[in-house]
Amino acid sequence: MTITEAIITAIVEGLTEFLPVSSTGHMIITEHLLGTATTETERSFTNLFTVVIQLGAILAVVVLYHKKFFQFNRWQFYAKLVVGVIPALILGYLFADKIDELLFNPTTVAIALLAGGIILLVIDNIFKVHTIEKEENLSFGKSFIIGCWQVISMVPGVSRSAATIIGGMQQKLTRNLAAEFSFFLAVPTMFAATAYSLFLKDWQGDNGATHNGIELVTATKENTIAFIVGNIVAFVVAILAIRFFIGFLKKHGFRIFGIYRIIVGIVLLILIFTGVLGK
């Protein structure tokens, strides 16, 4: 992976990870457009890279909301995140690879993008009652239910951000708090996914060999540089994306994101049915 490819991929990740538009769908399009991986090891590193640059995105949330994350006298905040991430950790560990094997294809992603887009068009009308405006008023039970909604994002194309925001609004959170809690919940969720990909998951290499993530990252100087640069770019872009999203959400709501998802979903379906992308 070249530096240019790493930067482009990181920009896409930083822009889409925290917006309810499905980073997976955008990564599929990006990987197709770049399309430079020619060996099994290169493909594995590319797939790993799209996960591990979440480290930069995670850091963006922690920096922007540092007062929350470093307020150590408020144990309830951390406990809510633990409760909220439990469903994803358990089901992700048990079924994530199987779900990817069965459902990770452009057709599934396109359909999920379209369905999620339609929901975002009407979400403000579906969940009209918002009684919880501050994280301090969010109960452990509601945190767990939002975490269960997050599990839906294991289906490629759903969008972790969209699933948790919809779950938050279903639990009567204001749309701003639903978005912010989605960011908070992303930190332990994405950290766990990144750690698993780096240290525990076996990645396919050439000639039937397997490698863990760290071995792939350090296999070549180019991979290591791509990893470092990618996380820096993802960090900067994610900060800008989060700030934009919260400001935009206060004024305009989710409608534009629903329209955007539908457009991207249609584009993917066109690429699939014309043979440009495989099914």
C-alpha atoms as a PDB file:
ATOM      1  CA  MET A   1       0.000   0.000   0.000  1.00  0.00           C
ATOM      2  CA  THR A   2       1.400   3.352  -1.029  1.00  0.00           C
ATOM      3  CA  ILE A   3       1.245   6.485   1.107  1.00  0.00           C
ATOM      4  CA  THR A   4      -1.263   8.004  -1.312  1.00  0.00           C
ATOM      5  CA  GLU A   5      -3.547   4.962  -1.007  1.00  0.00           C
ATOM      6  CA  ALA A   6      -3.205   5.039   2.775  1.00  0.00           C
ATOM      7  CA  ILE A   7      -4.145   8.723   2.905  1.00  0.00           C
ATOM      8  CA  ILE A   8      -7.160   8.302   0.608  1.00  0.00           C
ATOM      9  CA  THR A   9      -8.435   5.303   2.603  1.00  0.00           C
ATOM     10  CA  ALA A  10      -7.890   7.126   5.912  1.00  0.00           C
ATOM     11  CA  ILE A  11      -9.771  10.185   4.666  1.00  0.00           C
ATOM     12  CA  VAL A  12     -12.730   7.998   3.706  1.00  0.00           C
ATOM     13  CA  GLU A  13     -12.598   6.230   7.091  1.00  0.00           C
ATOM     14  CA  GLY A  14     -12.359   9.476   9.049  1.00  0.00           C
ATOM     15  CA  LEU A  15     -15.248  11.030   7.140  1.00  0.00           C
ATOM     16  CA  THR A  16     -17.622   8.076   7.276  1.00  0.00           C
ATOM     17  CA  GLU A  17     -16.951   6.276  10.577  1.00  0.00           C
ATOM     18  CA  PHE A  18     -18.977   8.645  12.736  1.00  0.00           C
ATOM     19  CA  LEU A  19     -21.537   9.752  10.162  1.00  0.00           C
ATOM     20  CA  PRO A  20     -24.573   7.468   9.707  1.00  0.00           C
ATOM     21  CA  VAL A  21     -23.605   6.616   6.126  1.00  0.00           C
ATOM     22  CA  SER A  22     -21.767   3.255   6.455  1.00  0.00           C
ATOM     23  CA  SER A  23     -18.004   3.316   6.336  1.00  0.00           C
ATOM     24  CA  THR A  24     -18.118  -0.273   5.003  1.00  0.00           C
ATOM     25  CA  GLY A  25     -19.965   0.767   1.857  1.00  0.00           C
ATOM     26  CA  HIS A  26     -17.523   3.561   1.218  1.00  0.00           C
ATOM     27  CA  MET A  27     -14.547   1.296   1.862  1.00  0.00           C
ATOM     28  CA  ILE A  28     -15.817  -1.184  -0.738  1.00  0.00           C
ATOM     29  CA  ILE A  29     -16.022   1.586  -3.322  1.00  0.00           C
ATOM     30  CA  THR A  30     -12.625   2.984  -2.294  1.00  0.00           C
ATOM     31  CA  GLU A  31     -10.895  -0.399  -2.429  1.00  0.00           C
ATOM     32  CA  HIS A  32     -12.411  -1.058  -5.852  1.00  0.00           C
ATOM     33  CA  LEU A  33     -11.243   2.292  -7.190  1.00  0.00           C
ATOM     34  CA  LEU A  34      -7.747   1.833  -5.789  1.00  0.00           C
ATOM     35  CA  GLY A  35      -7.615  -1.898  -6.570  1.00  0.00           C
ATOM     36  CA  THR A  36      -3.870  -2.334  -6.162  1.00  0.00           C
ATOM     37  CA  ALA A  37      -3.685  -5.444  -3.951  1.00  0.00           C
ATOM     38  CA  THR A  38      -2.438  -8.307  -6.127  1.00  0.00           C
ATOM     39  CA  THR A  39      -1.417 -10.971  -3.571  1.00  0.00           C
ATOM     40  CA  GLU A  40      -3.235 -12.610  -0.674  1.00  0.00           C
ATOM     41  CA  THR A  41      -0.918 -10.917   1.833  1.00  0.00           C
ATOM     42  CA  GLU A  42      -1.516  -7.498   0.268  1.00  0.00           C
ATOM     43  CA  ARG A  43      -5.279  -8.028   0.337  1.00  0.00           C
ATOM     44  CA  SER A  44      -5.099  -9.071   3.983  1.00  0.00           C
ATOM     45  CA  PHE A  45      -3.095  -5.975   4.896  1.00  0.00           C
ATOM     46  CA  THR A  46      -5.570  -3.771   3.022  1.00  0.00           C
ATOM     47  CA  ASN A  47      -8.471  -5.334   4.950  1.00  0.00           C
ATOM     48  CA  LEU A  48      -6.541  -5.032   8.213  1.00  0.00           C
ATOM     49  CA  PHE A  49      -5.671  -1.422   7.455  1.00  0.00           C
ATOM     50  CA  THR A  50      -9.334  -0.434   7.121  1.00  0.00           C
ATOM     51  CA  VAL A  51      -9.844  -1.692  10.681  1.00  0.00           C
ATOM     52  CA  VAL A  52      -6.709  -0.486  12.455  1.00  0.00           C
ATOM     53  CA  ILE A  53      -6.959   3.113  11.250  1.00  0.00           C
ATOM     54  CA  GLN A  54      -9.917   3.249  13.615  1.00  0.00           C
ATOM     55  CA  LEU A  55      -7.271   3.923  16.272  1.00  0.00           C
ATOM     56  CA  GLY A  56      -6.946   7.450  14.918  1.00  0.00           C
ATOM     57  CA  ALA A  57     -10.707   7.863  14.825  1.00  0.00           C
ATOM     58  CA  ILE A  58     -10.987   6.615  18.422  1.00  0.00           C
ATOM     59  CA  LEU A  59      -8.419   9.160  19.553  1.00  0.00           C
ATOM     60  CA  ALA A  60     -10.427  11.913  17.849  1.00  0.00           C
ATOM     61  CA  VAL A  61     -13.445  11.130  20.055  1.00  0.00           C
ATOM     62  CA  VAL A  62     -11.327  11.011  23.214  1.00  0.00           C
ATOM     63  CA  VAL A  63      -9.684  14.354  22.402  1.00  0.00           C
ATOM     64  CA  LEU A  64     -12.938  16.127  21.496  1.00  0.00           C
ATOM     65  CA  TYR A  65     -14.731  14.792  24.581  1.00  0.00           C
ATOM     66  CA  HIS A  66     -11.732  14.678  26.921  1.00  0.00           C
ATOM     67  CA  LYS A  67     -13.715  16.188  29.786  1.00  0.00           C
ATOM     68  CA  LYS A  68     -15.992  13.152  29.693  1.00  0.00           C
ATOM     69  CA  PHE A  69     -13.303  10.531  29.246  1.00  0.00           C
ATOM     70  CA  PHE A  70     -10.964  11.889  31.902  1.00  0.00           C
ATOM     71  CA  GLN A  71     -13.506  12.695  34.589  1.00  0.00           C
ATOM     72  CA  PHE A  72     -12.441   9.759  36.734  1.00  0.00           C
ATOM     73  CA  ASN A  73     -14.685  10.622  39.673  1.00  0.00           C
ATOM     74  CA  ARG A  74     -17.738   9.820  37.538  1.00  0.00           C
ATOM     75  CA  TRP A  75     -17.534   6.028  37.362  1.00  0.00           C
ATOM     76  CA  GLN A  76     -21.096   5.809  36.046  1.00  0.00           C
ATOM     77  CA  PHE A  77     -19.999   7.137  32.638  1.00  0.00           C
ATOM     78  CA  TYR A  78     -17.462   4.343  32.199  1.00  0.00           C
ATOM     79  CA  ALA A  79     -19.892   1.763  33.554  1.00  0.00           C
ATOM     80  CA  LYS A  80     -22.511   2.777  30.980  1.00  0.00           C
ATOM     81  CA  LEU A  81     -19.993   2.300  28.194  1.00  0.00           C
ATOM     82  CA  VAL A  82     -19.075  -1.137  29.544  1.00  0.00           C
ATOM     83  CA  VAL A  83     -22.740  -2.120  29.743  1.00  0.00           C
ATOM     84  CA  GLY A  84     -23.394  -0.729  26.269  1.00  0.00           C
ATOM     85  CA  VAL A  85     -20.484  -2.531  24.629  1.00  0.00           C
ATOM     86  CA  ILE A  86     -21.183  -5.973  26.144  1.00  0.00           C
ATOM     87  CA  PRO A  87     -23.621  -7.148  23.416  1.00  0.00           C
ATOM     88  CA  ALA A  88     -21.209  -6.221  20.608  1.00  0.00           C
ATOM     89  CA  LEU A  89     -18.233  -7.827  22.368  1.00  0.00           C
ATOM     90  CA  ILE A  90     -20.022 -11.122  22.978  1.00  0.00           C
ATOM     91  CA  LEU A  91     -21.828 -11.466  19.658  1.00  0.00           C
ATOM     92  CA  GLY A  92     -18.937  -9.946  17.729  1.00  0.00           C
ATOM     93  CA  TYR A  93     -16.506 -12.492  19.166  1.00  0.00           C
ATOM     94  CA  LEU A  94     -18.881 -15.376  18.478  1.00  0.00           C
ATOM     95  CA  PHE A  95     -20.295 -14.445  15.094  1.00  0.00           C
ATOM     96  CA  ALA A  96     -18.471 -11.513  13.440  1.00  0.00           C
ATOM     97  CA  ASP A  97     -16.288 -13.643  11.158  1.00  0.00           C
ATOM     98  CA  LYS A  98     -19.237 -15.876  10.228  1.00  0.00           C
ATOM     99  CA  ILE A  99     -21.429 -12.866   9.434  1.00  0.00           C
ATOM    100  CA  ASP A 100     -18.679 -11.375   7.271  1.00  0.00           C
ATOM    101  CA  GLU A 101     -18.315 -14.710   5.495  1.00  0.00           C
ATOM    102  CA  LEU A 102     -22.048 -14.957   4.772  1.00  0.00           C
ATOM    103  CA  LEU A 103     -23.048 -11.327   4.270  1.00  0.00           C
ATOM    104  CA  PHE A 104     -19.954  -9.300   3.384  1.00  0.00           C
ATOM    105  CA  ASN A 105     -20.658  -8.586  -0.258  1.00  0.00           C
ATOM    106  CA  PRO A 106     -21.577  -5.465  -2.232  1.00  0.00           C
ATOM    107  CA  THR A 107     -25.222  -6.520  -2.693  1.00  0.00           C
ATOM    108  CA  THR A 108     -25.836  -6.818   1.065  1.00  0.00           C
ATOM    109  CA  VAL A 109     -24.116  -3.492   1.659  1.00  0.00           C
ATOM    110  CA  ALA A 110     -26.166  -1.744  -1.044  1.00  0.00           C
ATOM    111  CA  ILE A 111     -29.471  -3.070   0.331  1.00  0.00           C
ATOM    112  CA  ALA A 112     -28.489  -2.097   3.892  1.00  0.00           C
ATOM    113  CA  LEU A 113     -27.553   1.388   2.695  1.00  0.00           C
ATOM    114  CA  LEU A 114     -30.935   1.816   1.004  1.00  0.00           C
ATOM    115  CA  ALA A 115     -32.922   0.493   3.983  1.00  0.00           C
ATOM    116  CA  GLY A 116     -30.978   2.612   6.465  1.00  0.00           C
ATOM    117  CA  GLY A 117     -31.388   5.666   4.245  1.00  0.00           C
ATOM    118  CA  ILE A 118     -35.158   5.282   4.204  1.00  0.00           C
ATOM    119  CA  ILE A 119     -35.211   4.979   8.005  1.00  0.00           C
ATOM    120  CA  LEU A 120     -33.103   8.131   8.418  1.00  0.00           C
ATOM    121  CA  LEU A 121     -35.531  10.042   6.180  1.00  0.00           C
ATOM    122  CA  VAL A 122     -38.358   9.407   8.643  1.00  0.00           C
ATOM    123  CA  ILE A 123     -36.528   8.906  11.942  1.00  0.00           C
ATOM    124  CA  ASP A 124     -37.510  12.294  13.395  1.00  0.00           C
ATOM    125  CA  ASN A 125     -41.178  11.490  12.724  1.00  0.00           C
ATOM    126  CA  ILE A 126     -40.916   7.967  14.152  1.00  0.00           C
ATOM    127  CA  PHE A 127     -39.285   8.984  17.427  1.00  0.00           C
ATOM    128  CA  LYS A 128     -40.884  12.316  18.305  1.00  0.00           C
ATOM    129  CA  VAL A 129     -40.598  12.150  22.107  1.00  0.00           C
ATOM    130  CA  HIS A 130     -37.146  13.050  23.473  1.00  0.00           C
ATOM    131  CA  THR A 131     -36.982  13.202  27.258  1.00  0.00           C
ATOM    132  CA  ILE A 132     -33.283  12.499  27.869  1.00  0.00           C
ATOM    133  CA  GLU A 133     -31.011  15.430  27.074  1.00  0.00           C
ATOM    134  CA  LYS A 134     -27.905  14.606  29.145  1.00  0.00           C
ATOM    135  CA  GLU A 135     -25.783  11.481  29.434  1.00  0.00           C
ATOM    136  CA  GLU A 136     -26.077  11.737  33.240  1.00  0.00           C
ATOM    137  CA  ASN A 137     -29.808  10.947  32.899  1.00  0.00           C
ATOM    138  CA  LEU A 138     -29.203   7.863  30.751  1.00  0.00           C
ATOM    139  CA  SER A 139     -29.853   4.658  32.708  1.00  0.00           C
ATOM    140  CA  PHE A 140     -27.786   1.478  32.560  1.00  0.00           C
ATOM    141  CA  GLY A 141     -30.771  -0.347  31.101  1.00  0.00           C
ATOM    142  CA  LYS A 142     -31.094   2.092  28.232  1.00  0.00           C
ATOM    143  CA  SER A 143     -27.330   1.944  27.660  1.00  0.00           C
ATOM    144  CA  PHE A 144     -27.602  -1.821  27.283  1.00  0.00           C
ATOM    145  CA  ILE A 145     -30.517  -1.560  24.843  1.00  0.00           C
ATOM    146  CA  ILE A 146     -28.580   0.939  22.708  1.00  0.00           C
ATOM    147  CA  GLY A 147     -25.707  -1.544  22.790  1.00  0.00           C
ATOM    148  CA  CYS A 148     -28.084  -4.195  21.455  1.00  0.00           C
ATOM    149  CA  TRP A 149     -28.976  -1.867  18.581  1.00  0.00           C
ATOM    150  CA  GLN A 150     -25.275  -1.529  17.872  1.00  0.00           C
ATOM    151  CA  VAL A 151     -25.121  -5.285  17.210  1.00  0.00           C
ATOM    152  CA  ILE A 152     -27.262  -4.731  14.097  1.00  0.00           C
ATOM    153  CA  SER A 153     -24.285  -2.942  12.566  1.00  0.00           C
ATOM    154  CA  MET A 154     -22.534  -6.309  12.331  1.00  0.00           C
ATOM    155  CA  VAL A 155     -24.514  -6.606   9.090  1.00  0.00           C
ATOM    156  CA  PRO A 156     -22.244  -4.896   6.523  1.00  0.00           C
ATOM    157  CA  GLY A 157     -23.618  -1.591   5.295  1.00  0.00           C
ATOM    158  CA  VAL A 158     -25.900  -0.876   8.259  1.00  0.00           C
ATOM    159  CA  SER A 159     -23.460   1.627   9.860  1.00  0.00           C
ATOM    160  CA  ARG A 160     -22.527   1.402  13.529  1.00  0.00           C
ATOM    161  CA  SER A 161     -23.220   5.102  13.940  1.00  0.00           C
ATOM    162  CA  ALA A 162     -26.678   4.869  12.332  1.00  0.00           C
ATOM    163  CA  ALA A 163     -27.660   1.809  14.387  1.00  0.00           C
ATOM    164  CA  THR A 164     -26.679   3.347  17.736  1.00  0.00           C
ATOM    165  CA  ILE A 165     -28.209   6.743  16.919  1.00  0.00           C
ATOM    166  CA  ILE A 166     -31.503   5.103  15.943  1.00  0.00           C
ATOM    167  CA  GLY A 167     -31.303   2.992  19.109  1.00  0.00           C
ATOM    168  CA  GLY A 168     -30.656   6.092  21.198  1.00  0.00           C
ATOM    169  CA  MET A 169     -33.614   7.962  19.743  1.00  0.00           C
ATOM    170  CA  GLN A 170     -35.803   4.888  20.238  1.00  0.00           C
ATOM    171  CA  GLN A 171     -34.807   5.114  23.909  1.00  0.00           C
ATOM    172  CA  LYS A 172     -35.979   8.755  23.952  1.00  0.00           C
ATOM    173  CA  LEU A 173     -32.581  10.448  23.739  1.00  0.00           C
ATOM    174  CA  THR A 174     -32.465  13.754  21.883  1.00  0.00           C
ATOM    175  CA  ARG A 175     -30.822  13.384  18.491  1.00  0.00           C
ATOM    176  CA  ASN A 176     -27.757  15.333  19.706  1.00  0.00           C
ATOM    177  CA  LEU A 177     -27.286  13.086  22.750  1.00  0.00           C
ATOM    178  CA  ALA A 178     -27.985   9.980  20.641  1.00  0.00           C
ATOM    179  CA  ALA A 179     -25.173  11.047  18.291  1.00  0.00           C
ATOM    180  CA  GLU A 180     -22.781  11.866  21.140  1.00  0.00           C
ATOM    181  CA  PHE A 181     -23.464   8.594  22.963  1.00  0.00           C
ATOM    182  CA  SER A 182     -22.844   6.831  19.659  1.00  0.00           C
ATOM    183  CA  PHE A 183     -19.402   8.478  19.613  1.00  0.00           C
ATOM    184  CA  PHE A 184     -18.740   7.479  23.233  1.00  0.00           C
ATOM    185  CA  LEU A 185     -19.784   3.881  22.615  1.00  0.00           C
ATOM    186  CA  ALA A 186     -17.548   3.746  19.542  1.00  0.00           C
ATOM    187  CA  VAL A 187     -14.409   4.053  21.684  1.00  0.00           C
ATOM    188  CA  PRO A 188     -14.533   0.681  23.507  1.00  0.00           C
ATOM    189  CA  THR A 189     -16.228  -1.017  20.540  1.00  0.00           C
ATOM    190  CA  MET A 190     -13.688   0.096  17.943  1.00  0.00           C
ATOM    191  CA  PHE A 191     -10.780  -0.366  20.328  1.00  0.00           C
ATOM    192  CA  ALA A 192     -11.825  -3.982  20.899  1.00  0.00           C
ATOM    193  CA  ALA A 193     -12.220  -4.584  17.142  1.00  0.00           C
ATOM    194  CA  THR A 194      -8.813  -3.042  16.467  1.00  0.00           C
ATOM    195  CA  ALA A 195      -7.074  -5.003  19.232  1.00  0.00           C
ATOM    196  CA  TYR A 196      -8.664  -8.236  18.015  1.00  0.00           C
ATOM    197  CA  SER A 197      -7.544  -7.561  14.432  1.00  0.00           C
ATOM    198  CA  LEU A 198      -3.998  -6.718  15.484  1.00  0.00           C
ATOM    199  CA  PHE A 199      -3.310  -9.413  18.067  1.00  0.00           C
ATOM    200  CA  LEU A 200      -5.818 -12.268  17.865  1.00  0.00           C
ATOM    201  CA  LYS A 201      -7.158 -12.648  14.339  1.00  0.00           C
ATOM    202  CA  ASP A 202      -5.297 -14.778  11.794  1.00  0.00           C
ATOM    203  CA  TRP A 203      -4.893 -13.091   8.407  1.00  0.00           C
ATOM    204  CA  GLN A 204      -4.330 -15.097   5.268  1.00  0.00           C
ATOM    205  CA  GLY A 205      -0.918 -14.762   3.632  1.00  0.00           C
ATOM    206  CA  ASP A 206       0.670 -16.084   0.482  1.00  0.00           C
ATOM    207  CA  ASN A 207       1.185 -19.830   0.001  1.00  0.00           C
ATOM    208  CA  GLY A 208      -1.316 -20.715   2.713  1.00  0.00           C
ATOM    209  CA  ALA A 209       0.588 -18.946   5.503  1.00  0.00           C
ATOM    210  CA  THR A 210      -1.228 -16.975   8.196  1.00  0.00           C
ATOM    211  CA  HIS A 211      -0.113 -13.905  10.106  1.00  0.00           C
ATOM    212  CA  ASN A 212      -1.448 -11.844  12.979  1.00  0.00           C
ATOM    213  CA  GLY A 213      -2.082  -8.166  12.425  1.00  0.00           C
ATOM    214  CA  ILE A 214       1.111  -6.887  14.019  1.00  0.00           C
ATOM    215  CA  GLU A 215       3.163  -9.126  11.750  1.00  0.00           C
ATOM    216  CA  LEU A 216       1.424  -7.655   8.702  1.00  0.00           C
ATOM    217  CA  VAL A 217       1.916  -4.082   9.915  1.00  0.00           C
ATOM    218  CA  THR A 218       5.623  -4.604  10.531  1.00  0.00           C
ATOM    219  CA  ALA A 219       6.219  -6.913   7.557  1.00  0.00           C
ATOM    220  CA  THR A 220       7.507  -4.054   5.391  1.00  0.00           C
ATOM    221  CA  LYS A 221       8.561  -0.458   5.865  1.00  0.00           C
ATOM    222  CA  GLU A 222       5.732   0.609   3.538  1.00  0.00           C
ATOM    223  CA  ASN A 223       3.123  -1.141   5.694  1.00  0.00           C
ATOM    224  CA  THR A 224       4.436   0.458   8.883  1.00  0.00           C
ATOM    225  CA  ILE A 225       4.485   3.939   7.339  1.00  0.00           C
ATOM    226  CA  ALA A 226       0.972   3.412   5.932  1.00  0.00           C
ATOM    227  CA  PHE A 227      -0.247   2.382   9.400  1.00  0.00           C
ATOM    228  CA  ILE A 228       1.230   5.490  11.067  1.00  0.00           C
ATOM    229  CA  VAL A 229       0.208   7.974   8.375  1.00  0.00           C
ATOM    230  CA  GLY A 230      -3.252   6.431   8.054  1.00  0.00           C
ATOM    231  CA  ASN A 231      -3.991   6.826  11.752  1.00  0.00           C
ATOM    232  CA  ILE A 232      -2.787  10.435  11.785  1.00  0.00           C
ATOM    233  CA  VAL A 233      -4.963  11.321   8.784  1.00  0.00           C
ATOM    234  CA  ALA A 234      -7.973   9.436  10.196  1.00  0.00           C
ATOM    235  CA  PHE A 235      -7.567  11.315  13.494  1.00  0.00           C
ATOM    236  CA  VAL A 236      -7.570  14.767  11.865  1.00  0.00           C
ATOM    237  CA  VAL A 237     -10.405  14.002   9.454  1.00  0.00           C
ATOM    238  CA  ALA A 238     -12.544  12.358  12.164  1.00  0.00           C
ATOM    239  CA  ILE A 239     -12.266  15.450  14.357  1.00  0.00           C
ATOM    240  CA  LEU A 240     -13.544  17.603  11.486  1.00  0.00           C
ATOM    241  CA  ALA A 241     -16.312  15.110  10.659  1.00  0.00           C
ATOM    242  CA  ILE A 242     -17.577  14.902  14.251  1.00  0.00           C
ATOM    243  CA  ARG A 243     -17.629  18.684  14.652  1.00  0.00           C
ATOM    244  CA  PHE A 244     -19.474  19.055  11.343  1.00  0.00           C
ATOM    245  CA  PHE A 245     -21.970  16.320  12.187  1.00  0.00           C
ATOM    246  CA  ILE A 246     -23.039  17.724  15.559  1.00  0.00           C
ATOM    247  CA  GLY A 247     -23.354  21.257  14.167  1.00  0.00           C
ATOM    248  CA  PHE A 248     -25.293  20.066  11.126  1.00  0.00           C
ATOM    249  CA  LEU A 249     -27.534  17.805  13.194  1.00  0.00           C
ATOM    250  CA  LYS A 250     -28.683  20.662  15.424  1.00  0.00           C
ATOM    251  CA  LYS A 251     -29.908  22.627  12.405  1.00  0.00           C
ATOM    252  CA  HIS A 252     -30.975  20.061   9.830  1.00  0.00           C
ATOM    253  CA  GLY A 253     -31.470  16.590  11.304  1.00  0.00           C
ATOM    254  CA  PHE A 254     -30.858  13.280   9.510  1.00  0.00           C
ATOM    255  CA  ARG A 255     -32.702  13.756   6.219  1.00  0.00           C
ATOM    256  CA  ILE A 256     -29.663  14.652   4.102  1.00  0.00           C
ATOM    257  CA  PHE A 257     -27.817  11.571   5.365  1.00  0.00           C
ATOM    258  CA  GLY A 258     -30.793   9.399   4.443  1.00  0.00           C
ATOM    259  CA  ILE A 259     -30.823  10.818   0.923  1.00  0.00           C
ATOM    260  CA  TYR A 260     -27.066  10.362   0.636  1.00  0.00           C
ATOM    261  CA  ARG A 261     -27.279   6.700   1.742  1.00  0.00           C
ATOM    262  CA  ILE A 262     -29.962   6.002  -0.825  1.00  0.00           C
ATOM    263  CA  ILE A 263     -27.864   7.553  -3.591  1.00  0.00           C
ATOM    264  CA  VAL A 264     -24.780   5.546  -2.606  1.00  0.00           C
ATOM    265  CA  GLY A 265     -26.856   2.373  -2.356  1.00  0.00           C
ATOM    266  CA  ILE A 266     -28.260   2.918  -5.849  1.00  0.00           C
ATOM    267  CA  VAL A 267     -24.774   3.617  -7.227  1.00  0.00           C
ATOM    268  CA  LEU A 268     -23.523   0.360  -5.692  1.00  0.00           C
ATOM    269  CA  LEU A 269     -26.425  -1.601  -7.189  1.00  0.00           C
ATOM    270  CA  ILE A 270     -25.740  -0.097 -10.612  1.00  0.00           C
ATOM    271  CA  LEU A 271     -22.067  -1.067 -10.325  1.00  0.00           C
ATOM    272  CA  ILE A 272     -23.100  -4.581  -9.316  1.00  0.00           C
ATOM    273  CA  PHE A 273     -25.688  -5.142 -12.055  1.00  0.00           C
ATOM    274  CA  THR A 274     -23.382  -3.748 -14.723  1.00  0.00           C
ATOM    275  CA  GLY A 275     -20.656  -6.155 -13.647  1.00  0.00           C
ATOM    276  CA  VAL A 276     -18.251  -3.489 -12.424  1.00  0.00           C
ATOM    277  CA  LEU A 277     -18.468  -4.911  -8.893  1.00  0.00           C
ATOM    278  CA  GLY A 278     -18.977  -8.545  -8.008  1.00  0.00           C
ATOM    279  CA  LYS A 279     -22.150  -9.592  -6.211  1.00  0.00           C
END
